[in-house]
Structures are given as structure tokens and as C-alpha cells.
């Protein structure tokens, strides 16, 4: 499935195993979460930060593990619970501080975490 395609793509185009200097990793669970995340990507794309968007829908633990493995400094995650509560999880992967903020506050929270 997805893993085979990813490996073939890496082989053909020489894409490294891990993105370097990733500032913000974004991910979520479900179509509605990913629609919201794409809006956040557009907002964060106007910043100086390097973004890594995880297209795989996954539980928070798996996503955070992948984000940490990629070397991200901050993780932004939306799951079903977050959607129902109208918030987004933003986690500083350096000091492990985690907050839940409205979508409108994500960019400012990321900026605060990255200094």
C-alpha cells in the first residue's frame, strides 16, 4: 500500500528518510480534521517555518512518534475529540508542553513555542 509507494518514490527521486530542520509537523485523524489542517498549513505557510504535513490519518500517539522521529520541534494535531471540542492540540516536542487552542490561535501558539 502506501508504504510501498513511499519507498518506490524515495528510491526513484532520492528523497531522504527524514526531513531536516522541520519546525512544525501537522497531522490528524479523519477527513474533516485534514480539511482543517490544510487551512492551517496555508496560514503557517506564510511564516518562516519549515512544515511537514502527515497525510496518514492516525491516532495522536502514532503521529507524535513520527513527528518526533522527523525531528519536528512542534506538533499540531486534530482528531475527532479535538474537532468535537473546537480545538487543536499544539505540542512543543522539545519541552513536552502541550496545549489545546482554538484554530484561530494555532499560528500564534506555534510562534510562541518556537520563539
C-alpha atoms as a PDB file:
ATOM      1  CA  UNK A   1       0.000   0.000   0.000  1.00  0.00           C
ATOM      2  CA  UNK A   2       1.169   3.455   0.995  1.00  0.00           C
ATOM      3  CA  UNK A   3       4.485   2.223   2.371  1.00  0.00           C
ATOM      4  CA  UNK A   4       5.474   0.551  -0.921  1.00  0.00           C
ATOM      5  CA  UNK A   5       4.612   3.673  -2.917  1.00  0.00           C
ATOM      6  CA  UNK A   6       6.580   5.802  -0.465  1.00  0.00           C
ATOM      7  CA  UNK A   7       9.632   3.507  -0.719  1.00  0.00           C
ATOM      8  CA  UNK A   8       9.499   3.482  -4.537  1.00  0.00           C
ATOM      9  CA  UNK A   9       9.210   7.268  -4.573  1.00  0.00           C
ATOM     10  CA  UNK A  10      12.228   7.573  -2.269  1.00  0.00           C
ATOM     11  CA  UNK A  11      14.206   5.172  -4.460  1.00  0.00           C
ATOM     12  CA  UNK A  12      13.323   6.944  -7.714  1.00  0.00           C
ATOM     13  CA  UNK A  13      13.754  10.525  -6.511  1.00  0.00           C
ATOM     14  CA  UNK A  14      16.336  10.076  -3.757  1.00  0.00           C
ATOM     15  CA  UNK A  15      14.182  11.615  -1.054  1.00  0.00           C
ATOM     16  CA  UNK A  16      15.890  11.405   2.360  1.00  0.00           C
ATOM     17  CA  UNK A  17      14.418   9.263   5.128  1.00  0.00           C
ATOM     18  CA  UNK A  18      13.952  12.257   7.406  1.00  0.00           C
ATOM     19  CA  UNK A  19      13.332  15.879   6.568  1.00  0.00           C
ATOM     20  CA  UNK A  20      15.960  18.101   8.097  1.00  0.00           C
ATOM     21  CA  UNK A  21      15.178  21.135  10.198  1.00  0.00           C
ATOM     22  CA  UNK A  22      11.434  20.529  10.444  1.00  0.00           C
ATOM     23  CA  UNK A  23       9.870  23.182  12.617  1.00  0.00           C
ATOM     24  CA  UNK A  24       6.225  22.104  12.598  1.00  0.00           C
ATOM     25  CA  UNK A  25       4.658  18.698  11.939  1.00  0.00           C
ATOM     26  CA  UNK A  26       0.922  18.650  11.232  1.00  0.00           C
ATOM     27  CA  UNK A  27      -1.371  15.630  11.298  1.00  0.00           C
ATOM     28  CA  UNK A  28      -4.771  14.364  12.257  1.00  0.00           C
ATOM     29  CA  UNK A  29      -7.453  11.728  12.076  1.00  0.00           C
ATOM     30  CA  UNK A  30     -10.341  11.832   9.601  1.00  0.00           C
ATOM     31  CA  UNK A  31     -11.317  13.830   6.545  1.00  0.00           C
ATOM     32  CA  UNK A  32     -12.715  16.782   8.483  1.00  0.00           C
ATOM     33  CA  UNK A  33      -9.524  17.038  10.534  1.00  0.00           C
ATOM     34  CA  UNK A  34      -7.386  17.056   7.416  1.00  0.00           C
ATOM     35  CA  UNK A  35      -9.560  19.762   5.836  1.00  0.00           C
ATOM     36  CA  UNK A  36      -8.937  21.946   8.893  1.00  0.00           C
ATOM     37  CA  UNK A  37      -5.227  21.100   8.881  1.00  0.00           C
ATOM     38  CA  UNK A  38      -4.901  22.152   5.244  1.00  0.00           C
ATOM     39  CA  UNK A  39      -6.279  25.571   6.213  1.00  0.00           C
ATOM     40  CA  UNK A  40      -3.671  25.731   8.991  1.00  0.00           C
ATOM     41  CA  UNK A  41      -0.942  24.793   6.520  1.00  0.00           C
ATOM     42  CA  UNK A  42      -1.993  27.753   4.387  1.00  0.00           C
ATOM     43  CA  UNK A  43      -1.740  30.055   7.420  1.00  0.00           C
ATOM     44  CA  UNK A  44       1.589  28.634   8.586  1.00  0.00           C
ATOM     45  CA  UNK A  45       2.972  28.659   5.052  1.00  0.00           C
ATOM     46  CA  UNK A  46       3.125  32.440   5.315  1.00  0.00           C
ATOM     47  CA  UNK A  47       5.614  32.095   8.171  1.00  0.00           C
ATOM     48  CA  UNK A  48       9.327  31.336   8.050  1.00  0.00           C
ATOM     49  CA  UNK A  49       8.818  27.841   9.470  1.00  0.00           C
ATOM     50  CA  UNK A  50       9.503  24.543   7.731  1.00  0.00           C
ATOM     51  CA  UNK A  51       6.342  22.421   7.681  1.00  0.00           C
ATOM     52  CA  UNK A  52       5.869  18.664   7.435  1.00  0.00           C
ATOM     53  CA  UNK A  53       2.298  17.554   6.741  1.00  0.00           C
ATOM     54  CA  UNK A  54       1.485  13.928   7.550  1.00  0.00           C
ATOM     55  CA  UNK A  55      -1.183  12.711   5.121  1.00  0.00           C
ATOM     56  CA  UNK A  56      -1.748   9.488   7.071  1.00  0.00           C
ATOM     57  CA  UNK A  57      -4.740   9.561   9.383  1.00  0.00           C
ATOM     58  CA  UNK A  58      -3.537   8.266  12.715  1.00  0.00           C
ATOM     59  CA  UNK A  59      -4.044   8.301  16.450  1.00  0.00           C
ATOM     60  CA  UNK A  60      -2.195  11.037  18.350  1.00  0.00           C
ATOM     61  CA  UNK A  61       0.456   8.720  19.799  1.00  0.00           C
ATOM     62  CA  UNK A  62       1.499   7.375  16.400  1.00  0.00           C
ATOM     63  CA  UNK A  63       1.521  10.831  14.848  1.00  0.00           C
ATOM     64  CA  UNK A  64       3.599  12.300  17.685  1.00  0.00           C
ATOM     65  CA  UNK A  65       6.066   9.432  17.376  1.00  0.00           C
ATOM     66  CA  UNK A  66       6.505  10.112  13.652  1.00  0.00           C
ATOM     67  CA  UNK A  67       6.796  13.864  14.260  1.00  0.00           C
ATOM     68  CA  UNK A  68       9.469  13.297  16.902  1.00  0.00           C
ATOM     69  CA  UNK A  69      11.323  10.880  14.604  1.00  0.00           C
ATOM     70  CA  UNK A  70      11.313  13.546  11.877  1.00  0.00           C
ATOM     71  CA  UNK A  71      12.932  15.967  14.295  1.00  0.00           C
ATOM     72  CA  UNK A  72       9.999  18.382  14.449  1.00  0.00           C
ATOM     73  CA  UNK A  73      10.095  20.999  17.176  1.00  0.00           C
ATOM     74  CA  UNK A  74       6.311  21.491  17.360  1.00  0.00           C
ATOM     75  CA  UNK A  75       3.433  19.145  16.523  1.00  0.00           C
ATOM     76  CA  UNK A  76      -0.072  20.252  15.553  1.00  0.00           C
ATOM     77  CA  UNK A  77      -2.755  17.551  15.737  1.00  0.00           C
ATOM     78  CA  UNK A  78      -6.522  17.394  15.230  1.00  0.00           C
ATOM     79  CA  UNK A  79      -8.526  14.262  15.976  1.00  0.00           C
ATOM     80  CA  UNK A  80     -12.208  13.534  16.406  1.00  0.00           C
ATOM     81  CA  UNK A  81     -12.216  14.658  20.061  1.00  0.00           C
ATOM     82  CA  UNK A  82     -10.473  17.908  19.197  1.00  0.00           C
ATOM     83  CA  UNK A  83     -12.929  18.581  16.357  1.00  0.00           C
ATOM     84  CA  UNK A  84     -15.885  17.994  18.667  1.00  0.00           C
ATOM     85  CA  UNK A  85     -14.412  20.436  21.194  1.00  0.00           C
ATOM     86  CA  UNK A  86     -13.420  23.024  18.565  1.00  0.00           C
ATOM     87  CA  UNK A  87      -9.721  22.928  19.475  1.00  0.00           C
ATOM     88  CA  UNK A  88      -6.364  21.884  18.075  1.00  0.00           C
ATOM     89  CA  UNK A  89      -3.570  20.196  20.039  1.00  0.00           C
ATOM     90  CA  UNK A  90      -0.236  22.005  19.794  1.00  0.00           C
ATOM     91  CA  UNK A  91       2.716  20.280  21.459  1.00  0.00           C
ATOM     92  CA  UNK A  92       6.217  21.576  21.972  1.00  0.00           C
ATOM     93  CA  UNK A  93       8.286  18.460  21.301  1.00  0.00           C
ATOM     94  CA  UNK A  94      11.367  19.986  22.922  1.00  0.00           C
ATOM     95  CA  UNK A  95       9.979  20.580  26.415  1.00  0.00           C
ATOM     96  CA  UNK A  96       6.810  18.413  26.023  1.00  0.00           C
ATOM     97  CA  UNK A  97       4.421  21.280  26.858  1.00  0.00           C
ATOM     98  CA  UNK A  98       1.023  20.581  25.296  1.00  0.00           C
ATOM     99  CA  UNK A  99      -1.935  22.922  24.925  1.00  0.00           C
ATOM    100  CA  UNK A 100      -5.340  22.817  23.260  1.00  0.00           C
ATOM    101  CA  UNK A 101      -6.224  26.038  21.462  1.00  0.00           C
ATOM    102  CA  UNK A 102      -8.895  27.264  19.033  1.00  0.00           C
ATOM    103  CA  UNK A 103      -7.944  27.039  15.349  1.00  0.00           C
ATOM    104  CA  UNK A 104      -7.607  30.830  15.265  1.00  0.00           C
ATOM    105  CA  UNK A 105      -4.810  30.671  17.874  1.00  0.00           C
ATOM    106  CA  UNK A 106      -2.663  27.928  16.315  1.00  0.00           C
ATOM    107  CA  UNK A 107      -0.257  30.178  14.392  1.00  0.00           C
ATOM    108  CA  UNK A 108       0.386  32.424  17.403  1.00  0.00           C
ATOM    109  CA  UNK A 109       0.866  29.386  19.668  1.00  0.00           C
ATOM    110  CA  UNK A 110       3.355  27.836  17.228  1.00  0.00           C
ATOM    111  CA  UNK A 111       5.238  31.148  17.105  1.00  0.00           C
ATOM    112  CA  UNK A 112       5.303  31.275  20.899  1.00  0.00           C
ATOM    113  CA  UNK A 113       6.645  27.705  21.138  1.00  0.00           C
ATOM    114  CA  UNK A 114       9.336  28.323  18.518  1.00  0.00           C
ATOM    115  CA  UNK A 115      10.366  31.658  19.990  1.00  0.00           C
END
